[in-house]
Amino acid sequence: MHKKAEMIGEVFKYLLVALFAVMILVFGYAMVNLLKERECKTELAKFEIDLKGLDKSLSYGSRELQSHIVPCNVDKIYFFDMSKSIAPERFNDIPLMKNAVASRSSKNVFLIEASDIKRSFYAGAFEIAEPHYICFKPKLNKISFFAEGAGESTKIMKAEG
């Protein structure tokens, strides 16, 4: 009888240890996900802050190569010249962006991940050559473009390479 009680006690200890180990793993996993989510939100906010007011930061005629780290492994970044007419049908795969283009939304920068808008914002008045938008696909987690002061707006051109 004594051996049986000892054995039950040992099994109970192992079950208790296993339960605590599983709880620690689940809690740890949840914390890692929470930290990743917060890091992503911070990266998105920093990217927006870096681009906001781009139209006011350059004097007329000055040209500058801009290079920015892409937040949260975003797949594509679109810049729009919303003062011009853009064919919304080009964006059928991203319905919210199609609606924004069709309604000439005030937002002119869209960060896309897997056909979903991760974030959109107004970064200042842009002048972009025909078709009046640029799609950047990050290389090595960065995008680069030329920004040229044009008075009340900024001309945006892709940097080749």
N, C-alpha and C. Protein backbone atom coordinates (compact mmCIF):
# COMPACT_ATOMS: atom_id res chain seq x y z
N MET A 1 0.82 -1.19 0.00
CA MET A 1 0.00 0.00 0.00
C MET A 1 0.87 1.27 0.00
N HIS A 2 1.94 1.20 0.78
CA HIS A 2 2.84 2.33 0.90
C HIS A 2 3.51 2.64 -0.46
N LYS A 3 3.91 1.60 -1.19
CA LYS A 3 4.54 1.75 -2.50
C LYS A 3 3.58 2.39 -3.50
N LYS A 4 2.31 1.98 -3.45
CA LYS A 4 1.30 2.51 -4.36
C LYS A 4 1.09 4.01 -4.12
N ALA A 5 1.03 4.44 -2.88
CA ALA A 5 0.86 5.85 -2.53
C ALA A 5 2.07 6.65 -2.98
N GLU A 6 3.26 6.07 -2.83
CA GLU A 6 4.49 6.73 -3.26
C GLU A 6 4.48 6.93 -4.78
N MET A 7 4.04 5.92 -5.49
CA MET A 7 3.98 5.97 -6.95
C MET A 7 2.97 7.02 -7.42
N ILE A 8 1.82 7.08 -6.77
CA ILE A 8 0.81 8.08 -7.12
C ILE A 8 1.36 9.48 -6.84
N GLY A 9 2.08 9.65 -5.76
CA GLY A 9 2.71 10.92 -5.42
C GLY A 9 3.71 11.35 -6.48
N GLU A 10 4.51 10.40 -6.97
CA GLU A 10 5.50 10.70 -8.02
C GLU A 10 4.81 11.11 -9.32
N VAL A 11 3.77 10.38 -9.71
CA VAL A 11 3.02 10.70 -10.92
C VAL A 11 2.41 12.09 -10.79
N PHE A 12 1.85 12.39 -9.62
CA PHE A 12 1.26 13.70 -9.39
C PHE A 12 2.31 14.81 -9.53
N LYS A 13 3.52 14.59 -9.01
CA LYS A 13 4.59 15.58 -9.12
C LYS A 13 4.94 15.83 -10.59
N TYR A 14 5.07 14.74 -11.36
CA TYR A 14 5.42 14.88 -12.77
C TYR A 14 4.32 15.58 -13.56
N LEU A 15 3.08 15.28 -13.24
CA LEU A 15 1.97 15.96 -13.90
C LEU A 15 1.96 17.45 -13.58
N LEU A 16 2.24 17.77 -12.32
CA LEU A 16 2.29 19.17 -11.90
C LEU A 16 3.43 19.91 -12.62
N VAL A 17 4.58 19.28 -12.72
CA VAL A 17 5.72 19.89 -13.42
C VAL A 17 5.37 20.08 -14.89
N ALA A 18 4.76 19.07 -15.51
CA ALA A 18 4.38 19.16 -16.92
C ALA A 18 3.36 20.28 -17.13
N LEU A 19 2.39 20.41 -16.22
CA LEU A 19 1.39 21.45 -16.32
C LEU A 19 2.04 22.83 -16.25
N PHE A 20 2.95 23.04 -15.32
CA PHE A 20 3.64 24.32 -15.21
C PHE A 20 4.50 24.60 -16.43
N ALA A 21 5.16 23.60 -16.98
CA ALA A 21 5.98 23.78 -18.17
C ALA A 21 5.12 24.21 -19.35
N VAL A 22 3.96 23.58 -19.53
CA VAL A 22 3.06 23.96 -20.61
C VAL A 22 2.55 25.38 -20.41
N MET A 23 2.20 25.74 -19.18
CA MET A 23 1.73 27.10 -18.90
C MET A 23 2.80 28.13 -19.22
N ILE A 24 4.05 27.83 -18.85
CA ILE A 24 5.15 28.76 -19.12
C ILE A 24 5.36 28.90 -20.63
N LEU A 25 5.30 27.80 -21.37
CA LEU A 25 5.46 27.86 -22.83
C LEU A 25 4.35 28.68 -23.49
N VAL A 26 3.11 28.45 -23.07
CA VAL A 26 1.98 29.19 -23.65
C VAL A 26 2.10 30.67 -23.32
N PHE A 27 2.41 30.99 -22.08
CA PHE A 27 2.57 32.39 -21.68
C PHE A 27 3.72 33.03 -22.43
N GLY A 28 4.83 32.33 -22.56
CA GLY A 28 6.00 32.84 -23.29
C GLY A 28 5.67 33.11 -24.75
N TYR A 29 4.97 32.19 -25.37
CA TYR A 29 4.57 32.34 -26.77
C TYR A 29 3.66 33.57 -26.94
N ALA A 30 2.72 33.72 -26.03
CA ALA A 30 1.81 34.88 -26.09
C ALA A 30 2.59 36.19 -25.93
N MET A 31 3.56 36.20 -25.03
CA MET A 31 4.36 37.41 -24.80
C MET A 31 5.21 37.74 -26.03
N VAL A 32 5.80 36.74 -26.66
CA VAL A 32 6.60 36.97 -27.86
C VAL A 32 5.73 37.55 -28.97
N ASN A 33 4.53 37.01 -29.15
CA ASN A 33 3.61 37.54 -30.16
C ASN A 33 3.21 38.98 -29.85
N LEU A 34 2.94 39.27 -28.58
CA LEU A 34 2.58 40.62 -28.18
C LEU A 34 3.73 41.60 -28.47
N LEU A 35 4.95 41.19 -28.16
CA LEU A 35 6.11 42.05 -28.41
C LEU A 35 6.31 42.27 -29.91
N LYS A 36 6.13 41.23 -30.72
CA LYS A 36 6.25 41.38 -32.17
C LYS A 36 5.21 42.34 -32.72
N GLU A 37 3.98 42.23 -32.21
CA GLU A 37 2.91 43.11 -32.65
C GLU A 37 3.21 44.56 -32.30
N ARG A 38 3.70 44.79 -31.09
CA ARG A 38 4.03 46.15 -30.68
C ARG A 38 5.22 46.69 -31.47
N GLU A 39 6.20 45.83 -31.76
CA GLU A 39 7.35 46.25 -32.55
C GLU A 39 6.90 46.66 -33.95
N CYS A 40 5.98 45.90 -34.52
CA CYS A 40 5.46 46.20 -35.85
C CYS A 40 4.73 47.54 -35.84
N LYS A 41 3.90 47.78 -34.86
CA LYS A 41 3.19 49.06 -34.77
C LYS A 41 4.16 50.23 -34.64
N THR A 42 5.22 50.03 -33.89
CA THR A 42 6.24 51.06 -33.73
C THR A 42 6.96 51.33 -35.04
N GLU A 43 7.31 50.26 -35.77
CA GLU A 43 7.97 50.42 -37.06
C GLU A 43 7.07 51.16 -38.05
N LEU A 44 5.78 50.82 -38.07
CA LEU A 44 4.84 51.49 -38.96
C LEU A 44 4.74 52.98 -38.62
N ALA A 45 4.66 53.29 -37.34
CA ALA A 45 4.57 54.69 -36.91
C ALA A 45 5.84 55.45 -37.27
N LYS A 46 6.99 54.85 -37.09
CA LYS A 46 8.27 55.50 -37.44
C LYS A 46 8.34 55.76 -38.94
N PHE A 47 7.92 54.79 -39.74
CA PHE A 47 7.93 54.96 -41.19
C PHE A 47 7.04 56.13 -41.59
N GLU A 48 5.86 56.21 -40.99
CA GLU A 48 4.94 57.31 -41.29
C GLU A 48 5.55 58.64 -40.89
N ILE A 49 6.15 58.71 -39.72
CA ILE A 49 6.77 59.95 -39.25
C ILE A 49 7.91 60.38 -40.18
N ASP A 50 8.70 59.40 -40.64
CA ASP A 50 9.82 59.70 -41.54
C ASP A 50 9.36 60.29 -42.87
N LEU A 51 8.19 59.87 -43.35
CA LEU A 51 7.70 60.34 -44.64
C LEU A 51 6.79 61.57 -44.55
N LYS A 52 6.15 61.78 -43.41
CA LYS A 52 5.22 62.92 -43.28
C LYS A 52 5.96 64.24 -43.51
N GLY A 53 5.29 65.12 -44.23
CA GLY A 53 5.86 66.44 -44.47
C GLY A 53 7.00 66.44 -45.48
N LEU A 54 7.10 65.39 -46.26
CA LEU A 54 8.15 65.31 -47.27
C LEU A 54 8.07 66.48 -48.24
N ASP A 55 6.85 66.94 -48.52
CA ASP A 55 6.65 68.06 -49.43
C ASP A 55 7.15 69.38 -48.85
N LYS A 56 7.26 69.48 -47.55
CA LYS A 56 7.71 70.73 -46.91
C LYS A 56 9.20 70.70 -46.56
N SER A 57 9.81 69.52 -46.60
CA SER A 57 11.18 69.40 -46.13
C SER A 57 12.24 69.75 -47.17
N LEU A 58 11.85 69.82 -48.45
CA LEU A 58 12.82 70.12 -49.51
C LEU A 58 12.56 71.49 -50.11
N SER A 59 13.64 72.24 -50.34
CA SER A 59 13.48 73.53 -50.99
C SER A 59 13.34 73.33 -52.49
N TYR A 60 12.79 74.33 -53.16
CA TYR A 60 12.49 74.23 -54.59
C TYR A 60 13.76 73.86 -55.38
N GLY A 61 13.66 72.80 -56.17
CA GLY A 61 14.75 72.38 -57.04
C GLY A 61 15.76 71.45 -56.39
N SER A 62 15.76 71.36 -55.08
CA SER A 62 16.72 70.46 -54.44
C SER A 62 16.26 69.01 -54.60
N ARG A 63 17.21 68.15 -54.86
CA ARG A 63 16.90 66.73 -55.11
C ARG A 63 17.67 65.89 -54.10
N GLU A 64 16.98 64.90 -53.55
CA GLU A 64 17.57 64.10 -52.48
C GLU A 64 17.20 62.63 -52.65
N LEU A 65 18.19 61.76 -52.46
CA LEU A 65 17.90 60.33 -52.48
C LEU A 65 17.40 59.94 -51.09
N GLN A 66 16.20 59.44 -51.04
CA GLN A 66 15.60 58.99 -49.78
C GLN A 66 15.71 57.47 -49.71
N SER A 67 16.10 56.98 -48.58
CA SER A 67 16.17 55.53 -48.36
C SER A 67 15.53 55.24 -47.01
N HIS A 68 14.59 54.29 -47.01
CA HIS A 68 13.84 54.00 -45.79
C HIS A 68 13.76 52.50 -45.57
N ILE A 69 13.88 52.10 -44.32
CA ILE A 69 13.70 50.70 -43.94
C ILE A 69 12.21 50.40 -43.96
N VAL A 70 11.87 49.28 -44.56
CA VAL A 70 10.46 48.88 -44.70
C VAL A 70 10.00 48.21 -43.42
N PRO A 71 8.89 48.67 -42.85
CA PRO A 71 8.40 48.09 -41.60
C PRO A 71 7.65 46.77 -41.79
N CYS A 72 7.75 45.90 -40.84
CA CYS A 72 6.90 44.70 -40.71
C CYS A 72 6.87 43.80 -41.94
N ASN A 73 7.95 43.71 -42.66
CA ASN A 73 8.01 42.86 -43.85
C ASN A 73 6.90 43.14 -44.84
N VAL A 74 6.58 44.40 -45.05
CA VAL A 74 5.56 44.81 -46.00
C VAL A 74 6.02 44.40 -47.41
N ASP A 75 5.07 43.92 -48.24
CA ASP A 75 5.38 43.43 -49.59
C ASP A 75 5.53 44.56 -50.61
N LYS A 76 4.64 45.54 -50.53
CA LYS A 76 4.61 46.64 -51.51
C LYS A 76 4.26 47.94 -50.80
N ILE A 77 4.81 49.02 -51.33
CA ILE A 77 4.47 50.35 -50.83
C ILE A 77 4.10 51.20 -52.05
N TYR A 78 2.89 51.76 -52.00
CA TYR A 78 2.39 52.58 -53.09
C TYR A 78 2.41 54.04 -52.69
N PHE A 79 2.92 54.90 -53.60
CA PHE A 79 2.83 56.35 -53.47
C PHE A 79 1.91 56.82 -54.58
N PHE A 80 0.97 57.72 -54.25
CA PHE A 80 0.01 58.21 -55.23
C PHE A 80 0.06 59.73 -55.34
N ASP A 81 -0.13 60.22 -56.57
CA ASP A 81 -0.36 61.64 -56.81
C ASP A 81 -1.87 61.78 -56.91
N MET A 82 -2.52 62.02 -55.78
CA MET A 82 -3.98 62.04 -55.73
C MET A 82 -4.59 63.28 -56.40
N SER A 83 -3.74 64.22 -56.84
CA SER A 83 -4.28 65.38 -57.56
C SER A 83 -4.57 65.03 -59.02
N LYS A 84 -4.10 63.89 -59.47
CA LYS A 84 -4.31 63.45 -60.85
C LYS A 84 -5.30 62.29 -60.88
N SER A 85 -5.84 62.05 -62.06
CA SER A 85 -6.78 60.95 -62.24
C SER A 85 -6.01 59.64 -62.42
N ILE A 86 -6.36 58.64 -61.63
CA ILE A 86 -5.73 57.32 -61.68
C ILE A 86 -6.83 56.29 -61.89
N ALA A 87 -6.58 55.35 -62.78
CA ALA A 87 -7.58 54.31 -63.07
C ALA A 87 -7.66 53.34 -61.89
N PRO A 88 -8.79 53.35 -61.16
CA PRO A 88 -8.90 52.48 -59.99
C PRO A 88 -8.94 50.98 -60.32
N GLU A 89 -9.27 50.64 -61.58
CA GLU A 89 -9.35 49.22 -61.95
C GLU A 89 -8.01 48.52 -61.82
N ARG A 90 -6.94 49.27 -61.81
CA ARG A 90 -5.59 48.68 -61.68
C ARG A 90 -5.39 48.02 -60.32
N PHE A 91 -6.28 48.33 -59.38
CA PHE A 91 -6.11 47.86 -58.01
C PHE A 91 -7.25 46.95 -57.57
N ASN A 92 -7.79 46.18 -58.49
CA ASN A 92 -8.91 45.27 -58.18
C ASN A 92 -8.54 44.25 -57.10
N ASP A 93 -7.26 43.89 -57.00
CA ASP A 93 -6.85 42.90 -56.00
C ASP A 93 -6.79 43.46 -54.59
N ILE A 94 -6.87 44.79 -54.45
CA ILE A 94 -6.86 45.43 -53.13
C ILE A 94 -8.06 46.38 -53.08
N PRO A 95 -9.24 45.87 -52.75
CA PRO A 95 -10.48 46.67 -52.82
C PRO A 95 -10.46 47.98 -52.04
N LEU A 96 -9.90 48.00 -50.84
CA LEU A 96 -9.88 49.24 -50.06
C LEU A 96 -9.04 50.31 -50.74
N MET A 97 -7.93 49.90 -51.33
CA MET A 97 -7.08 50.87 -52.03
C MET A 97 -7.77 51.33 -53.32
N LYS A 98 -8.45 50.42 -53.99
CA LYS A 98 -9.21 50.77 -55.20
C LYS A 98 -10.25 51.85 -54.86
N ASN A 99 -10.96 51.66 -53.75
CA ASN A 99 -11.96 52.65 -53.31
C ASN A 99 -11.31 53.98 -52.97
N ALA A 100 -10.14 53.94 -52.32
CA ALA A 100 -9.43 55.17 -51.95
C ALA A 100 -9.00 55.93 -53.20
N VAL A 101 -8.52 55.21 -54.21
CA VAL A 101 -8.10 55.85 -55.46
C VAL A 101 -9.31 56.42 -56.19
N ALA A 102 -10.39 55.66 -56.24
CA ALA A 102 -11.60 56.11 -56.93
C ALA A 102 -12.19 57.36 -56.29
N SER A 103 -12.12 57.44 -54.97
CA SER A 103 -12.70 58.59 -54.26
C SER A 103 -11.68 59.71 -54.05
N ARG A 104 -10.46 59.50 -54.56
CA ARG A 104 -9.36 60.47 -54.38
C ARG A 104 -9.17 60.81 -52.91
N SER A 105 -8.96 59.77 -52.16
CA SER A 105 -8.74 59.89 -50.71
C SER A 105 -7.58 60.84 -50.42
N SER A 106 -7.56 61.37 -49.23
CA SER A 106 -6.44 62.23 -48.84
C SER A 106 -5.19 61.41 -48.55
N LYS A 107 -5.34 60.14 -48.32
CA LYS A 107 -4.18 59.27 -48.04
C LYS A 107 -3.47 58.96 -49.34
N ASN A 108 -2.14 59.12 -49.34
CA ASN A 108 -1.40 58.90 -50.59
C ASN A 108 -0.24 57.92 -50.47
N VAL A 109 -0.09 57.28 -49.31
CA VAL A 109 0.90 56.22 -49.14
C VAL A 109 0.19 55.01 -48.54
N PHE A 110 0.37 53.86 -49.19
CA PHE A 110 -0.28 52.63 -48.74
C PHE A 110 0.78 51.54 -48.58
N LEU A 111 0.79 50.91 -47.42
CA LEU A 111 1.69 49.80 -47.15
C LEU A 111 0.88 48.51 -47.24
N ILE A 112 1.28 47.62 -48.13
CA ILE A 112 0.50 46.43 -48.45
C ILE A 112 1.26 45.17 -48.05
N GLU A 113 0.54 44.27 -47.40
CA GLU A 113 1.08 42.95 -47.09
C GLU A 113 0.03 41.92 -47.49
N ALA A 114 0.38 41.07 -48.45
CA ALA A 114 -0.50 40.00 -48.93
C ALA A 114 -1.89 40.53 -49.29
N SER A 115 -1.93 41.55 -50.11
CA SER A 115 -3.18 42.17 -50.61
C SER A 115 -4.04 42.81 -49.51
N ASP A 116 -3.47 43.06 -48.35
CA ASP A 116 -4.16 43.76 -47.27
C ASP A 116 -3.41 45.06 -46.97
N ILE A 117 -4.16 46.11 -46.69
CA ILE A 117 -3.53 47.37 -46.32
C ILE A 117 -3.11 47.30 -44.87
N LYS A 118 -1.82 47.37 -44.64
CA LYS A 118 -1.27 47.32 -43.29
C LYS A 118 -1.39 48.71 -42.64
N ARG A 119 -1.20 49.76 -43.48
CA ARG A 119 -1.33 51.14 -42.99
C ARG A 119 -1.41 52.07 -44.20
N SER A 120 -2.12 53.16 -44.03
CA SER A 120 -2.17 54.19 -45.06
C SER A 120 -2.16 55.55 -44.37
N PHE A 121 -1.57 56.54 -45.06
CA PHE A 121 -1.48 57.87 -44.47
C PHE A 121 -1.17 58.91 -45.55
N TYR A 122 -1.28 60.17 -45.18
CA TYR A 122 -0.94 61.28 -46.06
C TYR A 122 0.46 61.73 -45.74
N ALA A 123 1.34 61.73 -46.74
CA ALA A 123 2.74 62.09 -46.50
C ALA A 123 3.11 63.44 -47.08
N GLY A 124 2.13 64.16 -47.61
CA GLY A 124 2.40 65.45 -48.24
C GLY A 124 1.99 65.38 -49.70
N ALA A 125 2.02 66.54 -50.37
CA ALA A 125 1.62 66.61 -51.78
C ALA A 125 2.73 66.04 -52.66
N PHE A 126 2.38 65.04 -53.47
CA PHE A 126 3.33 64.40 -54.37
C PHE A 126 3.00 64.72 -55.81
N GLU A 127 4.03 64.84 -56.63
CA GLU A 127 3.90 64.88 -58.08
C GLU A 127 4.59 63.63 -58.60
N ILE A 128 3.83 62.80 -59.29
CA ILE A 128 4.38 61.55 -59.82
C ILE A 128 3.98 61.46 -61.28
N ALA A 129 4.96 61.12 -62.13
CA ALA A 129 4.71 61.00 -63.56
C ALA A 129 3.70 59.91 -63.85
N GLU A 130 3.17 59.93 -65.08
CA GLU A 130 2.20 58.94 -65.55
C GLU A 130 2.68 57.55 -65.18
N PRO A 131 1.93 56.72 -64.60
CA PRO A 131 0.49 56.65 -64.35
C PRO A 131 0.07 57.28 -63.02
N HIS A 132 0.90 58.18 -62.48
CA HIS A 132 0.61 58.97 -61.27
C HIS A 132 0.61 58.16 -59.99
N TYR A 133 1.31 57.04 -60.01
CA TYR A 133 1.58 56.28 -58.78
C TYR A 133 2.85 55.48 -58.99
N ILE A 134 3.47 55.11 -57.90
CA ILE A 134 4.67 54.27 -57.92
C ILE A 134 4.46 53.14 -56.93
N CYS A 135 4.81 51.95 -57.36
CA CYS A 135 4.78 50.79 -56.47
C CYS A 135 6.21 50.37 -56.18
N PHE A 136 6.57 50.42 -54.91
CA PHE A 136 7.90 49.98 -54.49
C PHE A 136 7.81 48.56 -53.94
N LYS A 137 8.69 47.70 -54.41
CA LYS A 137 8.83 46.36 -53.85
C LYS A 137 10.17 46.35 -53.13
N PRO A 138 10.14 46.22 -51.82
CA PRO A 138 11.38 46.33 -51.04
C PRO A 138 12.46 45.35 -51.47
N LYS A 139 13.68 45.84 -51.50
CA LYS A 139 14.86 45.01 -51.74
C LYS A 139 15.71 45.08 -50.48
N LEU A 140 16.00 43.93 -49.93
CA LEU A 140 16.77 43.85 -48.68
C LEU A 140 16.13 44.70 -47.59
N ASN A 141 14.80 44.68 -47.57
CA ASN A 141 14.00 45.36 -46.54
C ASN A 141 14.14 46.88 -46.57
N LYS A 142 14.42 47.44 -47.77
CA LYS A 142 14.55 48.90 -47.93
C LYS A 142 13.88 49.33 -49.23
N ILE A 143 13.47 50.60 -49.25
CA ILE A 143 13.06 51.24 -50.50
C ILE A 143 13.88 52.51 -50.65
N SER A 144 14.13 52.89 -51.91
CA SER A 144 14.85 54.13 -52.20
C SER A 144 14.16 54.85 -53.33
N PHE A 145 14.14 56.17 -53.24
CA PHE A 145 13.53 56.99 -54.29
C PHE A 145 14.14 58.37 -54.22
N PHE A 146 14.01 59.10 -55.34
CA PHE A 146 14.45 60.48 -55.37
C PHE A 146 13.26 61.38 -55.06
N ALA A 147 13.50 62.37 -54.24
CA ALA A 147 12.49 63.38 -53.92
C ALA A 147 13.07 64.73 -54.33
N GLU A 148 12.28 65.48 -55.09
CA GLU A 148 12.73 66.79 -55.57
C GLU A 148 11.71 67.84 -55.17
N GLY A 149 12.19 68.89 -54.53
CA GLY A 149 11.32 69.98 -54.12
C GLY A 149 10.70 70.67 -55.33
N ALA A 150 9.38 70.85 -55.30
CA ALA A 150 8.68 71.48 -56.43
C ALA A 150 7.73 72.56 -55.91
N GLY A 151 8.16 73.31 -54.93
CA GLY A 151 7.33 74.36 -54.36
C GLY A 151 6.38 73.82 -53.31
N GLU A 152 5.12 73.71 -53.66
CA GLU A 152 4.09 73.23 -52.73
C GLU A 152 3.99 71.71 -52.70
N SER A 153 4.81 71.04 -53.49
CA SER A 153 4.76 69.57 -53.55
C SER A 153 6.16 69.02 -53.72
N THR A 154 6.24 67.70 -53.80
CA THR A 154 7.52 67.02 -54.01
C THR A 154 7.36 66.05 -55.17
N LYS A 155 8.29 66.12 -56.11
CA LYS A 155 8.32 65.16 -57.21
C LYS A 155 8.98 63.87 -56.69
N ILE A 156 8.32 62.76 -56.92
CA ILE A 156 8.84 61.46 -56.49
C ILE A 156 9.20 60.64 -57.71
N MET A 157 10.43 60.11 -57.73
CA MET A 157 10.90 59.27 -58.83
C MET A 157 11.60 58.05 -58.25
N LYS A 158 11.43 56.92 -58.91
CA LYS A 158 12.10 55.71 -58.47
C LYS A 158 13.61 55.86 -58.63
N ALA A 159 14.33 55.31 -57.69
CA ALA A 159 15.79 55.23 -57.81
C ALA A 159 16.09 53.88 -58.44
N GLU A 160 16.73 53.89 -59.57
CA GLU A 160 17.02 52.62 -60.26
C GLU A 160 18.10 51.86 -59.52
N GLY A 161 17.94 50.55 -59.53
CA GLY A 161 18.98 49.72 -58.93
C GLY A 161 18.55 48.95 -57.76
